Amino acid sequence: MSFFQMLRAKKELIPLVGVVTFAAVGAVSVSIYSLFKTDVIINKTGNPEPWEAIDPTQPQKLLTIQQKWKPIEELEKVKKLTK
C-alpha cells in the first residue's frame, strides 16, 4: 500500500500530514536562512574576528524600520588605537 493510497483510505491523516510537512519545511527554511546570516561563524580558523567584516550600514535584522547608522567618533578612535 503506497503512501497516497493510505491517505485515500484514512482521510483523517491528511491534516496531520499537512501540518507536519508545513512545520518541517518551515524549520528547514529557517535553518538555512540562519546559516547565511553574517554573524554566524562556521569556519572559526579562517577568520578569527568575522564581526569586523560586517557592513554596519546594512541592516542585520529581517525587518528594520527607520534605523540609520552613523559611526561614533570616540569608538572609531579607540578602534584605530588598538589595531
N, C-alpha and C. Protein backbone atom coordinates (compact mmCIF):
# COMPACT_ATOMS: atom_id res chain seq x y z
N MET A 1 0.85 -1.18 0.00
CA MET A 1 0.00 0.00 0.00
C MET A 1 0.90 1.24 0.00
N SER A 2 0.74 2.08 -0.99
CA SER A 2 1.59 3.27 -1.08
C SER A 2 1.07 4.36 -0.13
N PHE A 3 1.86 5.40 -0.04
CA PHE A 3 1.53 6.50 0.88
C PHE A 3 0.23 7.18 0.48
N PHE A 4 0.06 7.45 -0.81
CA PHE A 4 -1.13 8.15 -1.26
C PHE A 4 -2.38 7.27 -1.16
N GLN A 5 -2.21 5.98 -1.36
CA GLN A 5 -3.35 5.07 -1.18
C GLN A 5 -3.77 5.02 0.28
N MET A 6 -2.78 5.07 1.19
CA MET A 6 -3.09 5.08 2.61
C MET A 6 -3.85 6.36 2.98
N LEU A 7 -3.43 7.51 2.40
CA LEU A 7 -4.13 8.76 2.69
C LEU A 7 -5.56 8.74 2.14
N ARG A 8 -5.76 8.07 1.00
CA ARG A 8 -7.13 7.96 0.47
C ARG A 8 -8.00 7.09 1.36
N ALA A 9 -7.39 6.06 1.94
CA ALA A 9 -8.15 5.16 2.80
C ALA A 9 -8.44 5.80 4.16
N LYS A 10 -7.47 6.52 4.70
CA LYS A 10 -7.62 7.14 6.02
C LYS A 10 -7.53 8.65 5.87
N LYS A 11 -8.64 9.25 5.54
CA LYS A 11 -8.67 10.69 5.24
C LYS A 11 -8.41 11.57 6.47
N GLU A 12 -8.54 11.03 7.66
CA GLU A 12 -8.29 11.83 8.86
C GLU A 12 -6.80 12.13 9.06
N LEU A 13 -5.93 11.45 8.31
CA LEU A 13 -4.49 11.71 8.41
C LEU A 13 -4.03 12.88 7.53
N ILE A 14 -4.86 13.32 6.61
CA ILE A 14 -4.46 14.38 5.67
C ILE A 14 -4.11 15.69 6.39
N PRO A 15 -4.91 16.20 7.34
CA PRO A 15 -4.50 17.43 8.04
C PRO A 15 -3.22 17.25 8.86
N LEU A 16 -3.07 16.08 9.46
CA LEU A 16 -1.86 15.82 10.25
C LEU A 16 -0.62 15.83 9.36
N VAL A 17 -0.70 15.19 8.22
CA VAL A 17 0.43 15.17 7.28
C VAL A 17 0.71 16.58 6.77
N GLY A 18 -0.33 17.35 6.51
CA GLY A 18 -0.14 18.73 6.04
C GLY A 18 0.55 19.61 7.07
N VAL A 19 0.12 19.51 8.33
CA VAL A 19 0.72 20.33 9.39
C VAL A 19 2.16 19.93 9.64
N VAL A 20 2.44 18.63 9.68
CA VAL A 20 3.81 18.17 9.91
C VAL A 20 4.72 18.56 8.75
N THR A 21 4.23 18.47 7.53
CA THR A 21 5.02 18.88 6.36
C THR A 21 5.30 20.38 6.40
N PHE A 22 4.30 21.17 6.73
CA PHE A 22 4.48 22.62 6.83
C PHE A 22 5.51 22.98 7.90
N ALA A 23 5.44 22.30 9.04
CA ALA A 23 6.39 22.57 10.13
C ALA A 23 7.81 22.17 9.72
N ALA A 24 7.96 21.05 9.04
CA ALA A 24 9.28 20.59 8.62
C ALA A 24 9.89 21.54 7.59
N VAL A 25 9.09 21.97 6.63
CA VAL A 25 9.59 22.91 5.62
C VAL A 25 9.96 24.24 6.27
N GLY A 26 9.17 24.70 7.22
CA GLY A 26 9.49 25.93 7.94
C GLY A 26 10.77 25.83 8.74
N ALA A 27 10.97 24.69 9.42
CA ALA A 27 12.18 24.51 10.22
C ALA A 27 13.42 24.46 9.33
N VAL A 28 13.33 23.78 8.21
CA VAL A 28 14.48 23.70 7.30
C VAL A 28 14.78 25.07 6.69
N SER A 29 13.75 25.81 6.31
CA SER A 29 13.99 27.12 5.70
C SER A 29 14.57 28.12 6.70
N VAL A 30 14.13 28.10 7.95
CA VAL A 30 14.69 28.99 8.96
C VAL A 30 16.14 28.60 9.26
N SER A 31 16.44 27.31 9.26
CA SER A 31 17.81 26.87 9.50
C SER A 31 18.74 27.33 8.38
N ILE A 32 18.30 27.19 7.15
CA ILE A 32 19.12 27.62 6.02
C ILE A 32 19.28 29.14 6.03
N TYR A 33 18.21 29.86 6.33
CA TYR A 33 18.28 31.33 6.42
C TYR A 33 19.27 31.76 7.51
N SER A 34 19.24 31.08 8.64
CA SER A 34 20.12 31.44 9.75
C SER A 34 21.58 31.15 9.43
N LEU A 35 21.86 30.11 8.67
CA LEU A 35 23.24 29.80 8.32
C LEU A 35 23.86 30.84 7.40
N PHE A 36 23.06 31.53 6.62
CA PHE A 36 23.60 32.53 5.70
C PHE A 36 23.68 33.92 6.30
N LYS A 37 23.35 34.08 7.57
CA LYS A 37 23.48 35.38 8.24
C LYS A 37 24.96 35.70 8.42
N THR A 38 25.28 36.98 8.50
CA THR A 38 26.68 37.38 8.58
C THR A 38 27.28 37.17 9.96
N ASP A 39 26.47 37.03 10.99
CA ASP A 39 27.02 36.84 12.32
C ASP A 39 27.19 35.38 12.71
N VAL A 40 26.93 34.45 11.80
CA VAL A 40 27.12 33.03 12.06
C VAL A 40 28.52 32.64 11.63
N ILE A 41 29.25 31.96 12.51
CA ILE A 41 30.62 31.55 12.24
C ILE A 41 30.64 30.03 12.07
N ILE A 42 31.00 29.57 10.88
CA ILE A 42 31.12 28.13 10.65
C ILE A 42 32.59 27.74 10.67
N ASN A 43 33.44 28.52 10.01
CA ASN A 43 34.87 28.25 9.96
C ASN A 43 35.57 29.21 10.92
N LYS A 44 35.88 28.75 12.12
CA LYS A 44 36.48 29.63 13.12
C LYS A 44 37.98 29.84 12.90
N THR A 45 38.64 28.95 12.17
CA THR A 45 40.08 29.08 11.97
C THR A 45 40.42 30.03 10.84
N GLY A 46 39.54 30.20 9.86
CA GLY A 46 39.84 31.05 8.71
C GLY A 46 39.83 32.53 9.03
N ASN A 47 38.87 32.97 9.84
CA ASN A 47 38.74 34.38 10.18
C ASN A 47 38.38 34.47 11.66
N PRO A 48 39.35 34.76 12.52
CA PRO A 48 39.06 34.76 13.96
C PRO A 48 38.15 35.91 14.41
N GLU A 49 38.07 37.00 13.65
CA GLU A 49 37.22 38.13 14.01
C GLU A 49 36.29 38.49 12.85
N PRO A 50 35.29 37.67 12.56
CA PRO A 50 34.44 37.95 11.40
C PRO A 50 33.51 39.14 11.60
N TRP A 51 33.30 39.56 12.83
CA TRP A 51 32.41 40.70 13.07
C TRP A 51 33.02 42.01 12.60
N GLU A 52 34.33 42.02 12.33
CA GLU A 52 34.96 43.23 11.80
C GLU A 52 34.63 43.43 10.32
N ALA A 53 34.23 42.37 9.63
CA ALA A 53 33.94 42.46 8.20
C ALA A 53 32.48 42.78 7.90
N ILE A 54 31.65 42.92 8.92
CA ILE A 54 30.23 43.20 8.71
C ILE A 54 30.05 44.68 8.38
N ASP A 55 29.28 44.94 7.35
CA ASP A 55 28.99 46.32 6.95
C ASP A 55 27.95 46.91 7.90
N PRO A 56 28.30 47.94 8.67
CA PRO A 56 27.34 48.48 9.65
C PRO A 56 26.18 49.24 9.02
N THR A 57 26.31 49.62 7.76
CA THR A 57 25.21 50.34 7.12
C THR A 57 24.12 49.40 6.62
N GLN A 58 24.44 48.11 6.50
CA GLN A 58 23.44 47.13 6.05
C GLN A 58 22.73 46.55 7.27
N PRO A 59 21.41 46.62 7.33
CA PRO A 59 20.70 46.10 8.50
C PRO A 59 20.83 44.58 8.60
N GLN A 60 20.99 44.09 9.82
CA GLN A 60 21.17 42.66 10.05
C GLN A 60 19.87 41.97 10.42
N LYS A 61 18.84 42.73 10.70
CA LYS A 61 17.56 42.15 11.08
C LYS A 61 16.72 41.87 9.84
N LEU A 62 15.73 41.02 10.01
CA LEU A 62 14.84 40.70 8.90
C LEU A 62 14.00 41.91 8.52
N LEU A 63 13.59 42.71 9.51
CA LEU A 63 12.81 43.91 9.27
C LEU A 63 13.39 45.05 10.09
N THR A 64 13.78 46.12 9.43
CA THR A 64 14.34 47.28 10.11
C THR A 64 13.52 48.51 9.71
N ILE A 65 13.01 49.21 10.70
CA ILE A 65 12.17 50.37 10.44
C ILE A 65 12.90 51.63 10.89
N GLN A 66 13.23 52.50 9.95
CA GLN A 66 13.85 53.81 10.19
C GLN A 66 15.07 53.73 11.11
N GLN A 67 15.97 52.84 10.79
CA GLN A 67 17.20 52.76 11.57
C GLN A 67 18.35 53.29 10.71
N LYS A 68 19.03 54.27 11.21
CA LYS A 68 20.17 54.83 10.50
C LYS A 68 21.40 54.68 11.37
N TRP A 69 22.49 54.29 10.73
CA TRP A 69 23.73 54.07 11.46
C TRP A 69 24.70 55.18 11.14
N LYS A 70 25.35 55.70 12.17
CA LYS A 70 26.43 56.64 11.97
C LYS A 70 27.53 56.28 12.96
N PRO A 71 28.78 56.39 12.55
CA PRO A 71 29.87 55.97 13.43
C PRO A 71 30.02 56.88 14.64
N ILE A 72 30.43 56.29 15.75
CA ILE A 72 30.71 57.03 16.98
C ILE A 72 32.19 57.39 16.94
N GLU A 73 32.50 58.67 17.00
CA GLU A 73 33.87 59.12 16.81
C GLU A 73 34.81 58.55 17.87
N GLU A 74 34.39 58.53 19.11
CA GLU A 74 35.25 58.03 20.19
C GLU A 74 35.56 56.55 20.00
N LEU A 75 34.56 55.81 19.59
CA LEU A 75 34.75 54.38 19.37
C LEU A 75 35.68 54.11 18.20
N GLU A 76 35.57 54.90 17.15
CA GLU A 76 36.46 54.74 16.00
C GLU A 76 37.91 55.07 16.38
N LYS A 77 38.10 56.08 17.23
CA LYS A 77 39.46 56.42 17.68
C LYS A 77 40.06 55.28 18.50
N VAL A 78 39.26 54.70 19.38
CA VAL A 78 39.74 53.58 20.20
C VAL A 78 40.05 52.38 19.32
N LYS A 79 39.23 52.13 18.32
CA LYS A 79 39.46 51.00 17.42
C LYS A 79 40.77 51.18 16.65
N LYS A 80 41.05 52.43 16.21
CA LYS A 80 42.30 52.68 15.49
C LYS A 80 43.51 52.55 16.40
N LEU A 81 43.37 52.93 17.67
CA LEU A 81 44.49 52.83 18.60
C LEU A 81 44.80 51.39 18.99
N THR A 82 43.80 50.54 19.02
CA THR A 82 44.03 49.16 19.45
C THR A 82 44.54 48.27 18.33
N LYS A 83 44.48 48.73 17.09
CA LYS A 83 44.98 47.90 15.98
C LYS A 83 46.44 48.07 15.76
